[in-house]
């Protein structure tokens, strides 16, 4: 997926609290129809970021869990529903069809897709890809916007975090 977008910026999160703060900022900026692709190794902060974003949208953080086994969870925010996919256990693109992925990804509400890099050809064309990697004791989050909406969203997110890129 990175080949479709150009890295706009890289944000360093020295700890879990910083990842949560980034997620809350993202949640405050979300609009109906937004799609976020979350890529990176196990334990790099993908679910942490989704939990914080969903909390900022009015979801009880205790309700947010990684959908590793359920494949998709839906959370009801104050104004928007949040669809949270985890594709780690999906083996074939046909399995995505079986769970109705294309019907749920994008569209109404906000969509977060963990492990999107496993099926790049099935992802919504316009999205904000967040690529997580370990950096020392913390994490780096690379922003790769795909489309004008996501370029503007990434710029707003960076401005709000004090890191204009």
N, C-alpha and C. Protein backbone atom coordinates (compact mmCIF):
# COMPACT_ATOMS: atom_id res chain seq x y z
N UNK A 1 0.81 -1.19 0.00
CA UNK A 1 0.00 0.00 0.00
C UNK A 1 0.85 1.26 0.00
N UNK A 2 2.01 1.21 0.58
CA UNK A 2 2.86 2.38 0.66
C UNK A 2 3.20 2.91 -0.72
N UNK A 3 3.23 2.05 -1.73
CA UNK A 3 3.58 2.51 -3.07
C UNK A 3 2.52 3.46 -3.63
N UNK A 4 1.29 3.43 -3.11
CA UNK A 4 0.23 4.32 -3.61
C UNK A 4 0.31 5.70 -2.98
N UNK A 5 0.82 5.79 -1.78
CA UNK A 5 0.84 7.06 -1.08
C UNK A 5 2.27 7.49 -0.80
N UNK A 6 2.41 8.74 -0.47
CA UNK A 6 3.71 9.28 -0.14
C UNK A 6 3.68 9.61 1.35
N UNK A 7 4.74 9.23 2.05
CA UNK A 7 4.81 9.52 3.47
C UNK A 7 4.72 11.02 3.69
N UNK A 8 3.75 11.41 4.50
CA UNK A 8 3.57 12.82 4.79
C UNK A 8 4.38 13.23 6.01
N UNK A 9 4.46 12.32 6.98
CA UNK A 9 5.19 12.61 8.21
C UNK A 9 5.35 11.34 9.01
N UNK A 10 6.26 11.40 9.96
CA UNK A 10 6.45 10.32 10.92
C UNK A 10 6.36 10.94 12.30
N UNK A 11 5.51 10.37 13.15
CA UNK A 11 5.34 10.85 14.51
C UNK A 11 5.95 9.82 15.45
N UNK A 12 6.74 10.28 16.41
CA UNK A 12 7.33 9.39 17.40
C UNK A 12 6.47 9.40 18.66
N UNK A 13 6.10 8.21 19.12
CA UNK A 13 5.34 8.04 20.36
C UNK A 13 6.26 7.31 21.34
N UNK A 14 6.79 8.02 22.34
CA UNK A 14 7.75 7.39 23.24
C UNK A 14 7.16 6.32 24.16
N UNK A 15 5.83 6.35 24.34
CA UNK A 15 5.19 5.39 25.24
C UNK A 15 3.72 5.22 24.87
N UNK A 16 3.04 4.34 25.61
CA UNK A 16 1.63 4.07 25.33
C UNK A 16 0.76 5.31 25.48
N UNK A 17 1.09 6.17 26.46
CA UNK A 17 0.32 7.40 26.68
C UNK A 17 0.37 8.30 25.45
N UNK A 18 1.51 8.36 24.79
CA UNK A 18 1.65 9.18 23.58
C UNK A 18 0.84 8.59 22.43
N UNK A 19 0.81 7.25 22.33
CA UNK A 19 -0.01 6.59 21.30
C UNK A 19 -1.49 6.87 21.56
N UNK A 20 -1.89 6.81 22.83
CA UNK A 20 -3.27 7.12 23.19
C UNK A 20 -3.62 8.57 22.85
N UNK A 21 -2.71 9.49 23.13
CA UNK A 21 -2.95 10.90 22.81
C UNK A 21 -3.12 11.09 21.30
N UNK A 22 -2.29 10.42 20.51
CA UNK A 22 -2.42 10.49 19.05
C UNK A 22 -3.79 9.93 18.63
N UNK A 23 -4.20 8.83 19.22
CA UNK A 23 -5.51 8.24 18.91
C UNK A 23 -6.66 9.17 19.27
N UNK A 24 -6.57 9.83 20.42
CA UNK A 24 -7.64 10.77 20.81
C UNK A 24 -7.72 11.94 19.83
N UNK A 25 -6.56 12.45 19.41
CA UNK A 25 -6.56 13.53 18.41
C UNK A 25 -7.20 13.06 17.11
N UNK A 26 -6.85 11.85 16.70
CA UNK A 26 -7.43 11.29 15.47
C UNK A 26 -8.95 11.15 15.62
N UNK A 27 -9.40 10.62 16.74
CA UNK A 27 -10.83 10.43 16.98
C UNK A 27 -11.62 11.73 16.90
N UNK A 28 -11.03 12.82 17.40
CA UNK A 28 -11.70 14.12 17.35
C UNK A 28 -11.82 14.66 15.93
N UNK A 29 -10.97 14.20 15.02
CA UNK A 29 -10.96 14.69 13.64
C UNK A 29 -11.75 13.81 12.67
N UNK A 30 -12.21 12.66 13.15
CA UNK A 30 -12.90 11.71 12.27
C UNK A 30 -14.22 12.26 11.74
N UNK A 31 -14.51 11.87 10.50
CA UNK A 31 -15.79 12.20 9.84
C UNK A 31 -16.42 10.93 9.32
N UNK A 32 -17.70 11.02 9.06
CA UNK A 32 -18.44 9.89 8.49
C UNK A 32 -17.77 9.45 7.19
N UNK A 33 -17.51 8.15 7.07
CA UNK A 33 -16.90 7.59 5.87
C UNK A 33 -15.39 7.44 5.90
N UNK A 34 -14.75 7.95 6.96
CA UNK A 34 -13.29 7.85 7.04
C UNK A 34 -12.84 6.40 7.17
N UNK A 35 -11.68 6.11 6.54
CA UNK A 35 -11.08 4.78 6.57
C UNK A 35 -9.61 4.91 6.97
N UNK A 36 -9.21 4.10 7.96
CA UNK A 36 -7.84 4.10 8.45
C UNK A 36 -7.27 2.69 8.35
N UNK A 37 -6.12 2.57 7.69
CA UNK A 37 -5.42 1.29 7.58
C UNK A 37 -4.29 1.29 8.58
N UNK A 38 -4.28 0.32 9.47
CA UNK A 38 -3.29 0.25 10.54
C UNK A 38 -2.38 -0.94 10.30
N UNK A 39 -1.13 -0.65 9.97
CA UNK A 39 -0.17 -1.69 9.62
C UNK A 39 1.02 -1.66 10.56
N UNK A 40 1.57 -2.83 10.83
CA UNK A 40 2.74 -2.94 11.70
C UNK A 40 2.72 -4.25 12.44
N UNK A 41 3.84 -4.56 13.07
CA UNK A 41 3.99 -5.82 13.79
C UNK A 41 3.05 -5.91 14.99
N UNK A 42 2.94 -7.11 15.53
CA UNK A 42 2.19 -7.32 16.77
C UNK A 42 2.77 -6.44 17.87
N UNK A 43 1.90 -5.85 18.67
CA UNK A 43 2.35 -5.10 19.82
C UNK A 43 2.91 -3.72 19.54
N UNK A 44 2.63 -3.17 18.37
CA UNK A 44 3.18 -1.84 18.06
C UNK A 44 2.22 -0.70 18.34
N UNK A 45 0.99 -1.00 18.80
CA UNK A 45 0.10 0.07 19.23
C UNK A 45 -1.15 0.28 18.39
N UNK A 46 -1.43 -0.61 17.46
CA UNK A 46 -2.58 -0.43 16.58
C UNK A 46 -3.90 -0.41 17.36
N UNK A 47 -4.12 -1.41 18.21
CA UNK A 47 -5.37 -1.47 18.98
C UNK A 47 -5.41 -0.36 20.02
N UNK A 48 -4.28 -0.01 20.57
CA UNK A 48 -4.20 1.11 21.53
C UNK A 48 -4.71 2.40 20.87
N UNK A 49 -4.27 2.65 19.65
CA UNK A 49 -4.70 3.85 18.93
C UNK A 49 -6.19 3.80 18.65
N UNK A 50 -6.72 2.65 18.22
CA UNK A 50 -8.15 2.53 17.93
C UNK A 50 -8.96 2.76 19.20
N UNK A 51 -8.53 2.19 20.31
CA UNK A 51 -9.23 2.37 21.58
C UNK A 51 -9.33 3.84 21.95
N UNK A 52 -8.23 4.56 21.83
CA UNK A 52 -8.21 5.98 22.16
C UNK A 52 -9.08 6.79 21.19
N UNK A 53 -9.02 6.46 19.90
CA UNK A 53 -9.85 7.18 18.92
C UNK A 53 -11.33 6.93 19.20
N UNK A 54 -11.70 5.68 19.46
CA UNK A 54 -13.09 5.34 19.75
C UNK A 54 -13.56 6.04 21.03
N UNK A 55 -12.70 6.11 22.02
CA UNK A 55 -13.03 6.79 23.27
C UNK A 55 -13.31 8.27 23.00
N UNK A 56 -12.49 8.89 22.15
CA UNK A 56 -12.70 10.30 21.79
C UNK A 56 -14.03 10.50 21.06
N UNK A 57 -14.53 9.43 20.43
CA UNK A 57 -15.80 9.51 19.71
C UNK A 57 -16.98 9.07 20.58
N UNK A 58 -16.72 8.86 21.88
CA UNK A 58 -17.80 8.58 22.81
C UNK A 58 -18.03 7.12 23.17
N UNK A 59 -17.10 6.24 22.84
CA UNK A 59 -17.23 4.82 23.17
C UNK A 59 -16.54 4.56 24.50
N UNK A 60 -17.15 3.75 25.34
CA UNK A 60 -16.53 3.33 26.60
C UNK A 60 -15.29 2.50 26.25
N UNK A 61 -14.10 2.88 26.74
CA UNK A 61 -12.88 2.15 26.37
C UNK A 61 -12.92 0.67 26.74
N UNK A 62 -13.73 0.29 27.71
CA UNK A 62 -13.84 -1.12 28.09
C UNK A 62 -14.52 -1.94 27.01
N UNK A 63 -15.27 -1.27 26.12
CA UNK A 63 -15.96 -1.96 25.03
C UNK A 63 -15.03 -2.29 23.86
N UNK A 64 -13.91 -1.60 23.77
CA UNK A 64 -13.02 -1.75 22.62
C UNK A 64 -12.01 -2.86 22.88
N UNK A 65 -12.08 -3.88 22.03
CA UNK A 65 -11.13 -5.00 22.11
C UNK A 65 -10.65 -5.32 20.69
N UNK A 66 -9.50 -5.95 20.63
CA UNK A 66 -9.00 -6.35 19.33
C UNK A 66 -9.89 -7.44 18.76
N UNK A 67 -10.39 -7.25 17.53
CA UNK A 67 -11.29 -8.25 16.94
C UNK A 67 -10.53 -9.40 16.27
N UNK A 68 -9.44 -9.85 16.89
CA UNK A 68 -8.61 -10.89 16.29
C UNK A 68 -9.42 -12.15 15.98
N UNK A 69 -10.31 -12.53 16.87
CA UNK A 69 -11.08 -13.76 16.65
C UNK A 69 -12.45 -13.48 16.05
N UNK A 70 -13.04 -12.33 16.35
CA UNK A 70 -14.35 -12.00 15.77
C UNK A 70 -14.21 -11.37 14.38
N UNK A 71 -13.03 -10.92 14.03
CA UNK A 71 -12.68 -10.29 12.75
C UNK A 71 -13.20 -8.87 12.61
N UNK A 72 -14.39 -8.56 13.17
CA UNK A 72 -14.90 -7.19 13.13
C UNK A 72 -15.72 -6.92 14.38
N UNK A 73 -15.47 -5.78 14.99
CA UNK A 73 -16.30 -5.29 16.09
C UNK A 73 -16.91 -3.97 15.65
N UNK A 74 -18.12 -3.70 16.13
CA UNK A 74 -18.77 -2.42 15.87
C UNK A 74 -19.00 -1.75 17.21
N UNK A 75 -18.59 -0.49 17.31
CA UNK A 75 -18.78 0.30 18.52
C UNK A 75 -19.69 1.47 18.16
N UNK A 76 -20.51 1.87 19.09
CA UNK A 76 -21.45 2.96 18.85
C UNK A 76 -20.98 4.21 19.59
N UNK A 77 -20.48 5.18 18.82
CA UNK A 77 -20.05 6.44 19.38
C UNK A 77 -21.22 7.39 19.52
N UNK A 78 -20.95 8.59 20.01
CA UNK A 78 -22.01 9.58 20.20
C UNK A 78 -22.66 9.97 18.88
N UNK A 79 -21.85 10.14 17.84
CA UNK A 79 -22.38 10.56 16.54
C UNK A 79 -22.12 9.56 15.43
N UNK A 80 -21.09 8.76 15.56
CA UNK A 80 -20.69 7.84 14.49
C UNK A 80 -20.49 6.43 15.03
N UNK A 81 -20.79 5.45 14.20
CA UNK A 81 -20.44 4.07 14.51
C UNK A 81 -19.01 3.84 14.05
N UNK A 82 -18.31 2.98 14.76
CA UNK A 82 -16.94 2.65 14.44
C UNK A 82 -16.87 1.17 14.11
N UNK A 83 -16.34 0.85 12.92
CA UNK A 83 -16.13 -0.54 12.51
C UNK A 83 -14.64 -0.82 12.64
N UNK A 84 -14.31 -1.86 13.39
CA UNK A 84 -12.92 -2.17 13.71
C UNK A 84 -12.63 -3.59 13.23
N UNK A 85 -11.84 -3.69 12.17
CA UNK A 85 -11.46 -4.98 11.59
C UNK A 85 -10.07 -5.38 12.04
N UNK A 86 -9.85 -6.69 12.18
CA UNK A 86 -8.52 -7.24 12.39
C UNK A 86 -8.38 -8.40 11.40
N UNK A 87 -7.54 -8.23 10.40
CA UNK A 87 -7.41 -9.22 9.32
C UNK A 87 -6.29 -10.23 9.54
N UNK A 88 -5.70 -10.23 10.73
CA UNK A 88 -4.55 -11.09 11.01
C UNK A 88 -4.82 -12.57 10.75
N UNK A 89 -6.01 -13.04 11.05
CA UNK A 89 -6.33 -14.46 10.92
C UNK A 89 -6.99 -14.82 9.58
N UNK A 90 -7.12 -13.85 8.70
CA UNK A 90 -7.69 -14.11 7.37
C UNK A 90 -6.57 -14.64 6.47
N UNK A 91 -6.85 -15.72 5.76
CA UNK A 91 -5.83 -16.32 4.91
C UNK A 91 -5.98 -16.01 3.42
N UNK A 92 -7.21 -15.82 2.96
CA UNK A 92 -7.47 -15.64 1.53
C UNK A 92 -8.43 -14.47 1.31
N UNK A 93 -8.29 -13.77 0.20
CA UNK A 93 -9.21 -12.68 -0.11
C UNK A 93 -10.68 -13.13 -0.12
N UNK A 94 -10.92 -14.38 -0.50
CA UNK A 94 -12.30 -14.89 -0.53
C UNK A 94 -12.94 -14.88 0.86
N UNK A 95 -12.11 -15.03 1.89
CA UNK A 95 -12.63 -14.98 3.26
C UNK A 95 -13.16 -13.59 3.59
N UNK A 96 -12.55 -12.57 3.00
CA UNK A 96 -13.05 -11.21 3.20
C UNK A 96 -14.46 -11.07 2.63
N UNK A 97 -14.67 -11.69 1.47
CA UNK A 97 -16.02 -11.69 0.88
C UNK A 97 -17.00 -12.39 1.80
N UNK A 98 -16.58 -13.50 2.39
CA UNK A 98 -17.46 -14.28 3.27
C UNK A 98 -17.93 -13.48 4.48
N UNK A 99 -17.10 -12.57 4.98
CA UNK A 99 -17.51 -11.77 6.14
C UNK A 99 -18.14 -10.44 5.74
N UNK A 100 -18.31 -10.22 4.44
CA UNK A 100 -18.94 -8.99 3.97
C UNK A 100 -18.05 -7.76 4.09
N UNK A 101 -16.75 -7.96 3.99
CA UNK A 101 -15.80 -6.87 4.18
C UNK A 101 -16.11 -5.66 3.31
N UNK A 102 -16.32 -5.88 2.01
CA UNK A 102 -16.53 -4.76 1.09
C UNK A 102 -17.81 -3.98 1.41
N UNK A 103 -18.78 -4.64 2.02
CA UNK A 103 -20.02 -3.96 2.40
C UNK A 103 -19.84 -3.07 3.63
N UNK A 104 -18.90 -3.45 4.51
CA UNK A 104 -18.71 -2.72 5.76
C UNK A 104 -17.57 -1.72 5.72
N UNK A 105 -16.51 -2.01 4.97
CA UNK A 105 -15.33 -1.14 4.95
C UNK A 105 -15.66 0.15 4.22
N UNK A 106 -15.45 1.26 4.88
CA UNK A 106 -15.84 2.55 4.32
C UNK A 106 -17.33 2.74 4.56
N UNK A 107 -17.97 3.53 3.75
CA UNK A 107 -19.40 3.74 3.93
C UNK A 107 -19.71 4.50 5.20
N UNK A 108 -20.86 4.21 5.80
CA UNK A 108 -21.30 4.93 7.01
C UNK A 108 -20.36 4.65 8.17
N UNK A 109 -20.15 5.67 8.98
CA UNK A 109 -19.31 5.52 10.16
C UNK A 109 -17.83 5.65 9.83
N UNK A 110 -17.01 5.22 10.77
CA UNK A 110 -15.55 5.28 10.64
C UNK A 110 -15.03 3.85 10.65
N UNK A 111 -14.08 3.55 9.78
CA UNK A 111 -13.54 2.19 9.67
C UNK A 111 -12.05 2.17 10.00
N UNK A 112 -11.68 1.30 10.93
CA UNK A 112 -10.28 1.03 11.26
C UNK A 112 -9.99 -0.40 10.84
N UNK A 113 -8.91 -0.61 10.08
CA UNK A 113 -8.57 -1.94 9.58
C UNK A 113 -7.14 -2.28 9.99
N UNK A 114 -7.01 -3.17 10.99
CA UNK A 114 -5.70 -3.64 11.40
C UNK A 114 -5.24 -4.74 10.45
N UNK A 115 -3.95 -4.76 10.14
CA UNK A 115 -3.33 -5.74 9.25
C UNK A 115 -3.84 -5.59 7.80
N UNK A 116 -4.13 -4.37 7.41
CA UNK A 116 -4.59 -4.10 6.04
C UNK A 116 -3.55 -4.48 5.01
N UNK A 117 -2.27 -4.46 5.38
CA UNK A 117 -1.21 -4.78 4.43
C UNK A 117 -1.28 -6.21 3.90
N UNK A 118 -2.03 -7.07 4.59
CA UNK A 118 -2.17 -8.45 4.13
C UNK A 118 -3.01 -8.57 2.85
N UNK A 119 -3.89 -7.59 2.62
CA UNK A 119 -4.79 -7.62 1.46
C UNK A 119 -4.87 -6.24 0.81
N UNK A 120 -3.75 -5.73 0.31
CA UNK A 120 -3.73 -4.35 -0.21
C UNK A 120 -4.70 -4.10 -1.36
N UNK A 121 -4.96 -5.11 -2.17
CA UNK A 121 -5.83 -4.90 -3.33
C UNK A 121 -7.31 -4.84 -2.98
N UNK A 122 -7.66 -5.17 -1.75
CA UNK A 122 -9.07 -5.15 -1.36
C UNK A 122 -9.42 -3.94 -0.48
N UNK A 123 -8.47 -3.08 -0.22
CA UNK A 123 -8.72 -1.93 0.65
C UNK A 123 -9.38 -0.80 -0.12
N UNK A 124 -10.20 -0.02 0.58
CA UNK A 124 -10.76 1.17 -0.08
C UNK A 124 -9.63 2.04 -0.62
N UNK A 125 -9.84 2.57 -1.82
CA UNK A 125 -8.77 3.30 -2.50
C UNK A 125 -8.33 4.54 -1.73
N UNK A 126 -9.27 5.27 -1.15
CA UNK A 126 -8.93 6.47 -0.39
C UNK A 126 -8.94 6.12 1.09
N UNK A 127 -7.84 6.47 1.78
CA UNK A 127 -7.69 6.13 3.18
C UNK A 127 -6.49 6.86 3.76
N UNK A 128 -6.36 6.77 5.08
CA UNK A 128 -5.13 7.21 5.73
C UNK A 128 -4.48 5.97 6.31
N UNK A 129 -3.34 5.62 5.75
CA UNK A 129 -2.59 4.47 6.24
C UNK A 129 -1.66 4.94 7.35
N UNK A 130 -1.70 4.23 8.46
CA UNK A 130 -0.82 4.51 9.60
C UNK A 130 0.07 3.28 9.77
N UNK A 131 1.34 3.47 9.57
CA UNK A 131 2.29 2.36 9.62
C UNK A 131 3.08 2.46 10.93
N UNK A 132 2.91 1.46 11.79
CA UNK A 132 3.52 1.44 13.11
C UNK A 132 4.82 0.62 13.08
N UNK A 133 5.87 1.14 13.73
CA UNK A 133 7.11 0.38 13.86
C UNK A 133 7.77 0.71 15.19
N UNK A 134 8.55 -0.23 15.69
CA UNK A 134 9.29 -0.01 16.94
C UNK A 134 10.48 0.90 16.66
N UNK A 135 10.70 1.81 17.60
CA UNK A 135 11.84 2.71 17.50
C UNK A 135 12.35 2.91 18.92
N UNK A 136 13.43 2.23 19.27
CA UNK A 136 13.93 2.28 20.64
C UNK A 136 12.88 1.72 21.59
N UNK A 137 12.59 2.45 22.64
CA UNK A 137 11.56 2.03 23.61
C UNK A 137 10.16 2.41 23.15
N UNK A 138 10.06 3.26 22.15
CA UNK A 138 8.76 3.76 21.70
C UNK A 138 8.34 3.21 20.35
N UNK A 139 7.49 3.97 19.69
CA UNK A 139 6.95 3.60 18.39
C UNK A 139 6.98 4.80 17.46
N UNK A 140 7.17 4.51 16.17
CA UNK A 140 7.00 5.53 15.15
C UNK A 140 5.72 5.22 14.40
N UNK A 141 4.98 6.26 14.06
CA UNK A 141 3.77 6.10 13.27
C UNK A 141 3.94 6.96 12.02
N UNK A 142 4.00 6.26 10.89
CA UNK A 142 4.19 6.91 9.58
C UNK A 142 2.81 7.17 8.99
N UNK A 143 2.57 8.38 8.52
CA UNK A 143 1.29 8.76 7.91
C UNK A 143 1.43 8.69 6.39
N UNK A 144 0.59 7.88 5.76
CA UNK A 144 0.57 7.76 4.31
C UNK A 144 -0.86 8.05 3.82
N UNK A 145 -1.16 9.29 3.49
CA UNK A 145 -2.52 9.62 3.03
C UNK A 145 -2.73 9.22 1.57
N UNK A 146 -3.89 8.67 1.30
CA UNK A 146 -4.29 8.28 -0.05
C UNK A 146 -5.58 9.04 -0.36
N UNK A 147 -5.46 10.19 -1.01
CA UNK A 147 -6.61 11.02 -1.34
C UNK A 147 -6.57 12.37 -0.63
N UNK A 148 -7.23 13.36 -1.21
CA UNK A 148 -7.22 14.74 -0.69
C UNK A 148 -7.77 14.83 0.74
N UNK A 149 -8.87 14.13 1.02
CA UNK A 149 -9.44 14.16 2.37
C UNK A 149 -8.40 13.73 3.39
N UNK A 150 -7.63 12.71 3.07
CA UNK A 150 -6.68 12.15 4.02
C UNK A 150 -5.40 12.97 4.10
N UNK A 151 -5.06 13.66 3.03
CA UNK A 151 -3.95 14.62 3.10
C UNK A 151 -4.31 15.74 4.07
N UNK A 152 -5.53 16.25 3.96
CA UNK A 152 -5.99 17.31 4.86
C UNK A 152 -6.10 16.80 6.30
N UNK A 153 -6.60 15.58 6.46
CA UNK A 153 -6.73 15.00 7.79
C UNK A 153 -5.37 14.81 8.45
N UNK A 154 -4.41 14.29 7.70
CA UNK A 154 -3.06 14.09 8.23
C UNK A 154 -2.44 15.43 8.60
N UNK A 155 -2.62 16.44 7.76
CA UNK A 155 -2.08 17.77 8.07
C UNK A 155 -2.71 18.33 9.34
N UNK A 156 -4.03 18.17 9.49
CA UNK A 156 -4.72 18.65 10.70
C UNK A 156 -4.25 17.89 11.94
N UNK A 157 -4.05 16.61 11.79
CA UNK A 157 -3.58 15.78 12.90
C UNK A 157 -2.17 16.20 13.32
N UNK A 158 -1.32 16.45 12.35
CA UNK A 158 0.05 16.90 12.65
C UNK A 158 0.06 18.28 13.28
N UNK A 159 -0.79 19.17 12.76
CA UNK A 159 -0.86 20.53 13.32
C UNK A 159 -1.32 20.47 14.76
N UNK A 160 -2.34 19.64 15.05
CA UNK A 160 -2.87 19.53 16.40
C UNK A 160 -1.84 18.93 17.35
N UNK A 161 -0.95 18.08 16.82
CA UNK A 161 0.06 17.46 17.67
C UNK A 161 1.34 18.30 17.73
N UNK A 162 1.32 19.46 17.02
CA UNK A 162 2.47 20.34 17.06
C UNK A 162 3.61 19.90 16.15
N UNK A 163 3.31 19.01 15.19
CA UNK A 163 4.35 18.52 14.27
C UNK A 163 3.91 18.72 12.85
N UNK A 164 4.02 19.91 12.35
CA UNK A 164 3.63 20.14 10.97
C UNK A 164 4.67 19.55 10.05
N UNK A 165 4.20 18.80 9.02
CA UNK A 165 5.15 18.08 8.19
C UNK A 165 5.20 18.50 6.81
